[in-house]
Amino acid sequence: MRVALYARVSTHRQAQAQTIDQQLERLHQQAHARGWRLHPEHIFRDDGYSGATLTRPGLDRLRDKVAAAEVDRILLTAPDRLARKYVHQGLLEEELQRSGPEV
């Protein structure tokens, strides 16, 4: 199982509080509990990027890996890590799942 992790914080204050590291730690624990191995190239993060924009370096790299069929499952702490607006969350989930992985 090729698992990818995605985490995002939108403000400098959140980034300083290390909440992105807390998100990633929770995701690592979840993957480990299921026996899934993680590869460093499948960990995607966006520090200080608003969920209002769909153009973010970590998300863009994740989308590229998904389009290349290099990911089977994507873990996130909450759907709002993908996007702030519910409509955008749905569009991204649909795009990602259309290529195969479960979100």
C-alpha atoms as a PDB file:
ATOM      1  CA  MET A   1       0.000   0.000   0.000  1.00  0.00           C
ATOM      2  CA  ARG A   2       1.494   3.332  -1.081  1.00  0.00           C
ATOM      3  CA  VAL A   3       0.241   5.834   1.472  1.00  0.00           C
ATOM      4  CA  ALA A   4       0.571   9.612   1.251  1.00  0.00           C
ATOM      5  CA  LEU A   5       0.145  12.082   4.092  1.00  0.00           C
ATOM      6  CA  TYR A   6      -1.029  15.655   3.584  1.00  0.00           C
ATOM      7  CA  ALA A   7      -0.993  18.390   6.225  1.00  0.00           C
ATOM      8  CA  ARG A   8      -1.561  22.143   6.016  1.00  0.00           C
ATOM      9  CA  VAL A   9      -1.564  25.141   8.302  1.00  0.00           C
ATOM     10  CA  SER A  10      -2.711  28.489   7.017  1.00  0.00           C
ATOM     11  CA  THR A  11      -1.212  31.020   9.379  1.00  0.00           C
ATOM     12  CA  HIS A  12       2.270  31.864  10.521  1.00  0.00           C
ATOM     13  CA  ARG A  13       1.082  31.505  14.127  1.00  0.00           C
ATOM     14  CA  GLN A  14      -0.152  27.973  13.486  1.00  0.00           C
ATOM     15  CA  ALA A  15       3.146  27.123  11.790  1.00  0.00           C
ATOM     16  CA  GLN A  16       5.074  28.455  14.785  1.00  0.00           C
ATOM     17  CA  ALA A  17       2.883  26.452  17.170  1.00  0.00           C
ATOM     18  CA  GLN A  18       3.982  23.328  15.262  1.00  0.00           C
ATOM     19  CA  THR A  19       0.422  22.257  14.568  1.00  0.00           C
ATOM     20  CA  ILE A  20       1.532  20.891  11.195  1.00  0.00           C
ATOM     21  CA  ASP A  21       3.987  18.629  13.011  1.00  0.00           C
ATOM     22  CA  GLN A  22       1.156  17.545  15.312  1.00  0.00           C
ATOM     23  CA  GLN A  23      -1.002  16.726  12.286  1.00  0.00           C
ATOM     24  CA  LEU A  24       1.800  14.710  10.717  1.00  0.00           C
ATOM     25  CA  GLU A  25       2.485  12.860  13.961  1.00  0.00           C
ATOM     26  CA  ARG A  26      -1.188  11.825  14.194  1.00  0.00           C
ATOM     27  CA  LEU A  27      -1.132  10.666  10.570  1.00  0.00           C
ATOM     28  CA  HIS A  28       2.117   8.719  11.109  1.00  0.00           C
ATOM     29  CA  GLN A  29       0.544   7.004  14.134  1.00  0.00           C
ATOM     30  CA  GLN A  30      -2.563   6.102  12.143  1.00  0.00           C
ATOM     31  CA  ALA A  31      -0.522   4.627   9.296  1.00  0.00           C
ATOM     32  CA  HIS A  32       1.737   2.732  11.697  1.00  0.00           C
ATOM     33  CA  ALA A  33      -1.277   1.300  13.563  1.00  0.00           C
ATOM     34  CA  ARG A  34      -2.547  -0.135  10.270  1.00  0.00           C
ATOM     35  CA  GLY A  35       0.867  -1.531   9.348  1.00  0.00           C
ATOM     36  CA  TRP A  36       1.342   0.827   6.408  1.00  0.00           C
ATOM     37  CA  ARG A  37       4.876   1.879   5.545  1.00  0.00           C
ATOM     38  CA  LEU A  38       5.534   5.512   4.740  1.00  0.00           C
ATOM     39  CA  HIS A  39       8.136   6.863   2.367  1.00  0.00           C
ATOM     40  CA  PRO A  40       9.477  10.397   2.851  1.00  0.00           C
ATOM     41  CA  GLU A  41       8.598  11.329  -0.738  1.00  0.00           C
ATOM     42  CA  HIS A  42       4.929  10.657   0.091  1.00  0.00           C
ATOM     43  CA  ILE A  43       4.698  13.222   2.875  1.00  0.00           C
ATOM     44  CA  PHE A  44       3.220  16.490   1.647  1.00  0.00           C
ATOM     45  CA  ARG A  45       2.885  19.653   3.685  1.00  0.00           C
ATOM     46  CA  ASP A  46       1.933  23.250   3.133  1.00  0.00           C
ATOM     47  CA  ASP A  47       3.158  25.558   5.897  1.00  0.00           C
ATOM     48  CA  GLY A  48       1.391  28.925   5.955  1.00  0.00           C
ATOM     49  CA  TYR A  49      -0.809  28.408   2.876  1.00  0.00           C
ATOM     50  CA  SER A  50      -4.452  29.380   2.948  1.00  0.00           C
ATOM     51  CA  GLY A  51      -7.042  26.752   2.186  1.00  0.00           C
ATOM     52  CA  ALA A  52      -8.789  29.377   0.062  1.00  0.00           C
ATOM     53  CA  THR A  53      -6.359  28.765  -2.804  1.00  0.00           C
ATOM     54  CA  LEU A  54      -6.049  25.447  -4.592  1.00  0.00           C
ATOM     55  CA  THR A  55      -2.529  26.220  -5.787  1.00  0.00           C
ATOM     56  CA  ARG A  56      -0.095  25.163  -3.063  1.00  0.00           C
ATOM     57  CA  PRO A  57       3.303  23.502  -3.457  1.00  0.00           C
ATOM     58  CA  GLY A  58       2.588  20.456  -1.291  1.00  0.00           C
ATOM     59  CA  LEU A  59      -0.883  19.923  -2.698  1.00  0.00           C
ATOM     60  CA  ASP A  60       0.422  20.343  -6.250  1.00  0.00           C
ATOM     61  CA  ARG A  61       3.103  17.679  -5.671  1.00  0.00           C
ATOM     62  CA  LEU A  62       0.484  15.357  -4.155  1.00  0.00           C
ATOM     63  CA  ARG A  63      -1.797  15.853  -7.145  1.00  0.00           C
ATOM     64  CA  ASP A  64       1.111  15.067  -9.481  1.00  0.00           C
ATOM     65  CA  LYS A  65       1.909  11.825  -7.600  1.00  0.00           C
ATOM     66  CA  VAL A  66      -1.752  10.823  -7.695  1.00  0.00           C
ATOM     67  CA  ALA A  67      -2.014  11.575 -11.429  1.00  0.00           C
ATOM     68  CA  ALA A  68       1.080   9.390 -11.980  1.00  0.00           C
ATOM     69  CA  ALA A  69      -0.667   6.546 -10.073  1.00  0.00           C
ATOM     70  CA  GLU A  70       2.022   6.529  -7.353  1.00  0.00           C
ATOM     71  CA  VAL A  71      -0.405   6.687  -4.399  1.00  0.00           C
ATOM     72  CA  ASP A  72      -3.034   4.187  -3.196  1.00  0.00           C
ATOM     73  CA  ARG A  73      -4.334   6.041  -0.139  1.00  0.00           C
ATOM     74  CA  ILE A  74      -4.213   9.609   1.184  1.00  0.00           C
ATOM     75  CA  LEU A  75      -4.427  10.382   4.880  1.00  0.00           C
ATOM     76  CA  LEU A  76      -5.354  13.791   6.294  1.00  0.00           C
ATOM     77  CA  THR A  77      -6.502  14.881   9.714  1.00  0.00           C
ATOM     78  CA  ALA A  78      -9.650  16.569   8.355  1.00  0.00           C
ATOM     79  CA  PRO A  79     -11.177  17.436   4.958  1.00  0.00           C
ATOM     80  CA  ASP A  80     -10.597  21.142   5.592  1.00  0.00           C
ATOM     81  CA  ARG A  81      -6.862  20.514   5.253  1.00  0.00           C
ATOM     82  CA  LEU A  82      -7.523  20.100   1.523  1.00  0.00           C
ATOM     83  CA  ALA A  83      -9.513  23.321   1.162  1.00  0.00           C
ATOM     84  CA  ARG A  84     -11.393  25.855   3.227  1.00  0.00           C
ATOM     85  CA  LYS A  85     -14.606  25.785   1.184  1.00  0.00           C
ATOM     86  CA  TYR A  86     -16.679  22.624   1.247  1.00  0.00           C
ATOM     87  CA  VAL A  87     -17.211  22.795  -2.528  1.00  0.00           C
ATOM     88  CA  HIS A  88     -13.449  22.895  -3.125  1.00  0.00           C
ATOM     89  CA  GLN A  89     -12.958  19.992  -0.712  1.00  0.00           C
ATOM     90  CA  GLY A  90     -15.431  17.928  -2.716  1.00  0.00           C
ATOM     91  CA  LEU A  91     -13.810  18.818  -6.030  1.00  0.00           C
ATOM     92  CA  LEU A  92     -10.351  17.911  -4.777  1.00  0.00           C
ATOM     93  CA  GLU A  93     -11.528  14.648  -3.227  1.00  0.00           C
ATOM     94  CA  GLU A  94     -13.269  13.736  -6.475  1.00  0.00           C
ATOM     95  CA  GLU A  95     -10.177  14.601  -8.528  1.00  0.00           C
ATOM     96  CA  LEU A  96      -7.902  12.578  -6.263  1.00  0.00           C
ATOM     97  CA  GLN A  97     -10.201   9.561  -6.032  1.00  0.00           C
ATOM     98  CA  ARG A  98     -10.841   9.542  -9.780  1.00  0.00           C
ATOM     99  CA  SER A  99      -7.167   8.630 -10.185  1.00  0.00           C
ATOM    100  CA  GLY A 100      -7.535   5.708  -7.811  1.00  0.00           C
ATOM    101  CA  PRO A 101      -6.497   6.443  -4.225  1.00  0.00           C
ATOM    102  CA  GLU A 102      -8.871   6.429  -1.306  1.00  0.00           C
ATOM    103  CA  VAL A 103      -8.922   9.709   0.628  1.00  0.00           C
END
